[in-house]
Amino acid sequence: MLALGAGLAQAQPEQGDVWRFQATPYLWMTGLQGDIRPARYAPTAHVSQSFSDVLSDLDAAVFLNATARKVRHVLHADGSYADVVGHRQPAHGPESPR
């Protein structure tokens, strides 16, 4: 794939001192399995979420990769945003009011 990308880049005529921009949205699929400790002396909690569990709690998500190029200069950004809703109470019960 890298060789194909290099070949395509060489096939394009040089555009001089102009900025070229590229933005690529992408998907990211994951599950979560393991033990977590939210603070140094907090108890450890077990987490087990399949991809379908994560997807059911997902309200919105955006993943975007962006690049700007001008001759030898390259700016690159890779950003992500996810809005999730949890429907489960913590194992120790609801938090006490502050």
N, C-alpha and C. Protein backbone atom coordinates (compact mmCIF):
# COMPACT_ATOMS: atom_id res chain seq x y z
N MET A 1 0.82 -1.18 0.00
CA MET A 1 0.00 0.00 0.00
C MET A 1 0.87 1.25 0.00
N LEU A 2 2.00 1.20 0.71
CA LEU A 2 2.90 2.34 0.75
C LEU A 2 3.49 2.59 -0.63
N ALA A 3 3.86 1.54 -1.34
CA ALA A 3 4.42 1.70 -2.68
C ALA A 3 3.39 2.31 -3.62
N LEU A 4 2.13 1.90 -3.50
CA LEU A 4 1.07 2.45 -4.33
C LEU A 4 0.91 3.94 -4.03
N GLY A 5 0.91 4.34 -2.75
CA GLY A 5 0.79 5.75 -2.38
C GLY A 5 1.94 6.57 -2.92
N ALA A 6 3.16 6.05 -2.86
CA ALA A 6 4.32 6.77 -3.38
C ALA A 6 4.23 6.92 -4.89
N GLY A 7 3.75 5.89 -5.58
CA GLY A 7 3.58 5.96 -7.02
C GLY A 7 2.54 6.99 -7.42
N LEU A 8 1.46 7.07 -6.69
CA LEU A 8 0.43 8.06 -7.00
C LEU A 8 0.94 9.47 -6.74
N ALA A 9 1.73 9.65 -5.70
CA ALA A 9 2.26 10.98 -5.41
C ALA A 9 3.21 11.44 -6.51
N GLN A 10 3.99 10.55 -7.08
CA GLN A 10 4.91 10.91 -8.15
C GLN A 10 4.19 11.17 -9.46
N ALA A 11 3.03 10.56 -9.65
CA ALA A 11 2.30 10.72 -10.90
C ALA A 11 1.65 12.10 -11.01
N GLN A 12 1.43 12.78 -9.90
CA GLN A 12 0.80 14.09 -9.92
C GLN A 12 1.83 15.16 -10.27
N PRO A 13 1.45 16.12 -11.11
CA PRO A 13 2.40 17.19 -11.42
C PRO A 13 2.64 18.07 -10.20
N GLU A 14 3.84 18.63 -10.09
CA GLU A 14 4.18 19.52 -8.97
C GLU A 14 3.33 20.77 -9.04
N GLN A 15 2.74 21.14 -7.91
CA GLN A 15 1.84 22.28 -7.89
C GLN A 15 2.49 23.52 -7.30
N GLY A 16 3.78 23.52 -7.08
CA GLY A 16 4.48 24.70 -6.58
C GLY A 16 4.17 24.99 -5.14
N ASP A 17 4.10 26.27 -4.83
CA ASP A 17 3.93 26.73 -3.46
C ASP A 17 2.46 26.91 -3.09
N VAL A 18 1.64 25.90 -3.30
CA VAL A 18 0.23 25.97 -2.90
C VAL A 18 -0.02 24.95 -1.81
N TRP A 19 -0.93 25.28 -0.94
CA TRP A 19 -1.33 24.35 0.12
C TRP A 19 -2.29 23.32 -0.46
N ARG A 20 -2.11 22.07 -0.10
CA ARG A 20 -3.04 21.00 -0.46
C ARG A 20 -3.61 20.44 0.84
N PHE A 21 -4.93 20.23 0.86
CA PHE A 21 -5.61 19.77 2.06
C PHE A 21 -6.29 18.43 1.81
N GLN A 22 -6.33 17.62 2.85
CA GLN A 22 -7.01 16.34 2.78
C GLN A 22 -7.66 16.07 4.12
N ALA A 23 -8.94 15.69 4.11
CA ALA A 23 -9.65 15.31 5.33
C ALA A 23 -10.27 13.94 5.10
N THR A 24 -10.06 13.03 6.04
CA THR A 24 -10.54 11.66 5.90
C THR A 24 -11.29 11.23 7.16
N PRO A 25 -12.60 11.07 7.07
CA PRO A 25 -13.33 10.50 8.21
C PRO A 25 -13.08 9.00 8.26
N TYR A 26 -13.14 8.43 9.45
CA TYR A 26 -12.92 6.98 9.57
C TYR A 26 -13.74 6.40 10.70
N LEU A 27 -13.85 5.09 10.71
CA LEU A 27 -14.58 4.36 11.75
C LEU A 27 -13.60 3.69 12.69
N TRP A 28 -14.02 3.53 13.92
CA TRP A 28 -13.21 2.87 14.92
C TRP A 28 -14.14 2.01 15.76
N MET A 29 -13.89 0.72 15.79
CA MET A 29 -14.76 -0.21 16.52
C MET A 29 -13.94 -0.87 17.61
N THR A 30 -14.51 -0.90 18.82
CA THR A 30 -13.76 -1.47 19.94
C THR A 30 -14.69 -2.05 20.99
N GLY A 31 -14.15 -2.91 21.79
CA GLY A 31 -14.79 -3.40 22.99
C GLY A 31 -13.86 -3.06 24.15
N LEU A 32 -14.27 -3.37 25.34
CA LEU A 32 -13.46 -3.04 26.51
C LEU A 32 -13.50 -4.21 27.47
N GLN A 33 -12.33 -4.70 27.87
CA GLN A 33 -12.24 -5.85 28.77
C GLN A 33 -11.06 -5.65 29.70
N GLY A 34 -11.27 -5.75 31.00
CA GLY A 34 -10.15 -5.66 31.92
C GLY A 34 -10.55 -5.11 33.27
N ASP A 35 -9.54 -4.74 34.04
CA ASP A 35 -9.74 -4.16 35.36
C ASP A 35 -9.25 -2.73 35.36
N ILE A 36 -10.01 -1.83 35.99
CA ILE A 36 -9.62 -0.43 36.06
C ILE A 36 -9.60 0.03 37.51
N ARG A 37 -8.81 1.04 37.77
CA ARG A 37 -8.76 1.68 39.07
C ARG A 37 -8.83 3.19 38.80
N PRO A 38 -9.96 3.84 39.08
CA PRO A 38 -10.14 5.24 38.72
C PRO A 38 -9.22 6.20 39.47
N ALA A 39 -8.73 5.84 40.63
CA ALA A 39 -7.80 6.66 41.39
C ALA A 39 -6.78 5.75 42.06
N ARG A 40 -5.68 6.31 42.52
CA ARG A 40 -4.57 5.51 43.04
C ARG A 40 -4.98 4.55 44.15
N TYR A 41 -5.78 5.00 45.10
CA TYR A 41 -6.14 4.16 46.24
C TYR A 41 -7.59 3.68 46.16
N ALA A 42 -8.23 3.85 45.03
CA ALA A 42 -9.61 3.38 44.85
C ALA A 42 -9.61 1.87 44.60
N PRO A 43 -10.73 1.22 44.87
CA PRO A 43 -10.80 -0.21 44.59
C PRO A 43 -10.80 -0.48 43.08
N THR A 44 -10.33 -1.64 42.71
CA THR A 44 -10.31 -2.05 41.31
C THR A 44 -11.69 -2.54 40.90
N ALA A 45 -12.10 -2.17 39.70
CA ALA A 45 -13.40 -2.59 39.17
C ALA A 45 -13.18 -3.35 37.87
N HIS A 46 -13.93 -4.42 37.67
CA HIS A 46 -13.85 -5.20 36.45
C HIS A 46 -14.77 -4.58 35.39
N VAL A 47 -14.29 -4.49 34.16
CA VAL A 47 -15.06 -3.93 33.05
C VAL A 47 -15.12 -4.96 31.93
N SER A 48 -16.31 -5.19 31.41
CA SER A 48 -16.48 -6.10 30.28
C SER A 48 -17.59 -5.55 29.38
N GLN A 49 -17.20 -4.93 28.28
CA GLN A 49 -18.14 -4.34 27.33
C GLN A 49 -17.80 -4.84 25.93
N SER A 50 -18.73 -5.52 25.29
CA SER A 50 -18.51 -5.94 23.91
C SER A 50 -18.73 -4.75 23.00
N PHE A 51 -18.39 -4.90 21.72
CA PHE A 51 -18.61 -3.81 20.76
C PHE A 51 -20.09 -3.44 20.70
N SER A 52 -20.99 -4.42 20.74
CA SER A 52 -22.43 -4.11 20.68
C SER A 52 -22.87 -3.34 21.94
N ASP A 53 -22.28 -3.63 23.10
CA ASP A 53 -22.58 -2.86 24.31
C ASP A 53 -22.13 -1.41 24.16
N VAL A 54 -20.92 -1.22 23.66
CA VAL A 54 -20.40 0.13 23.45
C VAL A 54 -21.27 0.87 22.45
N LEU A 55 -21.64 0.21 21.36
CA LEU A 55 -22.45 0.84 20.32
C LEU A 55 -23.83 1.23 20.84
N SER A 56 -24.43 0.43 21.71
CA SER A 56 -25.75 0.75 22.24
C SER A 56 -25.71 1.97 23.16
N ASP A 57 -24.57 2.25 23.78
CA ASP A 57 -24.42 3.42 24.65
C ASP A 57 -23.90 4.65 23.91
N LEU A 58 -23.62 4.53 22.62
CA LEU A 58 -23.05 5.63 21.84
C LEU A 58 -24.15 6.53 21.29
N ASP A 59 -24.11 7.81 21.63
CA ASP A 59 -25.07 8.78 21.08
C ASP A 59 -24.55 9.40 19.79
N ALA A 60 -23.26 9.76 19.76
CA ALA A 60 -22.67 10.39 18.58
C ALA A 60 -21.16 10.18 18.61
N ALA A 61 -20.56 10.12 17.42
CA ALA A 61 -19.11 9.99 17.34
C ALA A 61 -18.62 10.55 16.01
N VAL A 62 -17.46 11.19 16.06
CA VAL A 62 -16.80 11.71 14.86
C VAL A 62 -15.32 11.40 14.98
N PHE A 63 -14.75 10.81 13.94
CA PHE A 63 -13.32 10.55 13.89
C PHE A 63 -12.82 11.13 12.57
N LEU A 64 -11.82 12.02 12.63
CA LEU A 64 -11.37 12.72 11.44
C LEU A 64 -9.85 12.84 11.43
N ASN A 65 -9.26 12.53 10.30
CA ASN A 65 -7.83 12.67 10.08
C ASN A 65 -7.66 13.76 9.04
N ALA A 66 -6.83 14.78 9.30
CA ALA A 66 -6.65 15.89 8.36
C ALA A 66 -5.17 16.18 8.15
N THR A 67 -4.84 16.54 6.91
CA THR A 67 -3.46 16.86 6.55
C THR A 67 -3.44 18.09 5.65
N ALA A 68 -2.49 18.97 5.88
CA ALA A 68 -2.24 20.12 5.00
C ALA A 68 -0.77 20.06 4.60
N ARG A 69 -0.50 20.21 3.29
CA ARG A 69 0.89 20.11 2.79
C ARG A 69 1.21 21.30 1.89
N LYS A 70 2.45 21.75 2.00
CA LYS A 70 2.97 22.77 1.10
C LYS A 70 4.45 22.51 0.95
N VAL A 71 4.85 22.07 -0.21
CA VAL A 71 6.22 21.70 -0.56
C VAL A 71 6.77 20.73 0.51
N ARG A 72 7.68 21.16 1.38
CA ARG A 72 8.27 20.28 2.40
C ARG A 72 7.54 20.34 3.73
N HIS A 73 6.57 21.21 3.90
CA HIS A 73 5.90 21.41 5.18
C HIS A 73 4.61 20.60 5.25
N VAL A 74 4.40 19.94 6.38
CA VAL A 74 3.21 19.12 6.57
C VAL A 74 2.62 19.41 7.95
N LEU A 75 1.32 19.67 7.98
CA LEU A 75 0.57 19.78 9.24
C LEU A 75 -0.39 18.60 9.27
N HIS A 76 -0.44 17.93 10.41
CA HIS A 76 -1.27 16.73 10.51
C HIS A 76 -2.07 16.77 11.80
N ALA A 77 -3.35 16.41 11.72
CA ALA A 77 -4.20 16.35 12.93
C ALA A 77 -5.06 15.10 12.85
N ASP A 78 -5.27 14.49 13.99
CA ASP A 78 -6.13 13.32 14.08
C ASP A 78 -7.01 13.52 15.31
N GLY A 79 -8.30 13.73 15.10
CA GLY A 79 -9.17 14.04 16.22
C GLY A 79 -10.32 13.07 16.34
N SER A 80 -10.82 12.95 17.56
CA SER A 80 -11.97 12.09 17.78
C SER A 80 -12.88 12.71 18.83
N TYR A 81 -14.17 12.44 18.69
CA TYR A 81 -15.17 12.91 19.63
C TYR A 81 -16.18 11.77 19.81
N ALA A 82 -16.54 11.47 21.03
CA ALA A 82 -17.54 10.45 21.30
C ALA A 82 -18.42 10.92 22.44
N ASP A 83 -19.72 10.76 22.27
CA ASP A 83 -20.69 11.10 23.30
C ASP A 83 -21.39 9.80 23.68
N VAL A 84 -21.15 9.33 24.90
CA VAL A 84 -21.72 8.06 25.34
C VAL A 84 -22.62 8.28 26.54
N VAL A 85 -23.58 7.40 26.70
CA VAL A 85 -24.50 7.44 27.82
C VAL A 85 -24.40 6.11 28.55
N GLY A 86 -24.18 6.16 29.84
CA GLY A 86 -24.14 4.94 30.64
C GLY A 86 -25.47 4.75 31.35
N HIS A 87 -25.93 3.52 31.42
CA HIS A 87 -27.22 3.22 32.04
C HIS A 87 -27.07 2.37 33.29
N ARG A 88 -25.85 2.16 33.73
CA ARG A 88 -25.62 1.27 34.86
C ARG A 88 -25.18 2.07 36.08
N GLN A 89 -25.58 1.63 37.24
CA GLN A 89 -25.15 2.24 38.50
C GLN A 89 -23.78 1.68 38.87
N PRO A 90 -22.95 2.45 39.56
CA PRO A 90 -21.68 1.90 40.05
C PRO A 90 -21.92 0.71 40.98
N ALA A 91 -20.94 -0.15 41.11
CA ALA A 91 -21.09 -1.37 41.92
C ALA A 91 -21.38 -1.03 43.38
N HIS A 92 -20.92 0.12 43.89
CA HIS A 92 -21.13 0.48 45.29
C HIS A 92 -22.43 1.23 45.51
N GLY A 93 -23.25 1.42 44.48
CA GLY A 93 -24.52 2.12 44.60
C GLY A 93 -24.41 3.55 44.15
N PRO A 94 -25.50 4.28 44.22
CA PRO A 94 -25.48 5.67 43.76
C PRO A 94 -24.59 6.53 44.64
N GLU A 95 -24.01 7.55 44.03
CA GLU A 95 -23.14 8.45 44.77
C GLU A 95 -23.96 9.29 45.73
N SER A 96 -23.36 9.66 46.84
CA SER A 96 -24.05 10.50 47.80
C SER A 96 -24.00 11.96 47.32
N PRO A 97 -25.05 12.72 47.60
CA PRO A 97 -25.08 14.12 47.16
C PRO A 97 -23.98 14.94 47.82
N ARG A 98 -23.51 15.96 47.13
CA ARG A 98 -22.45 16.82 47.66
C ARG A 98 -23.03 18.05 48.29
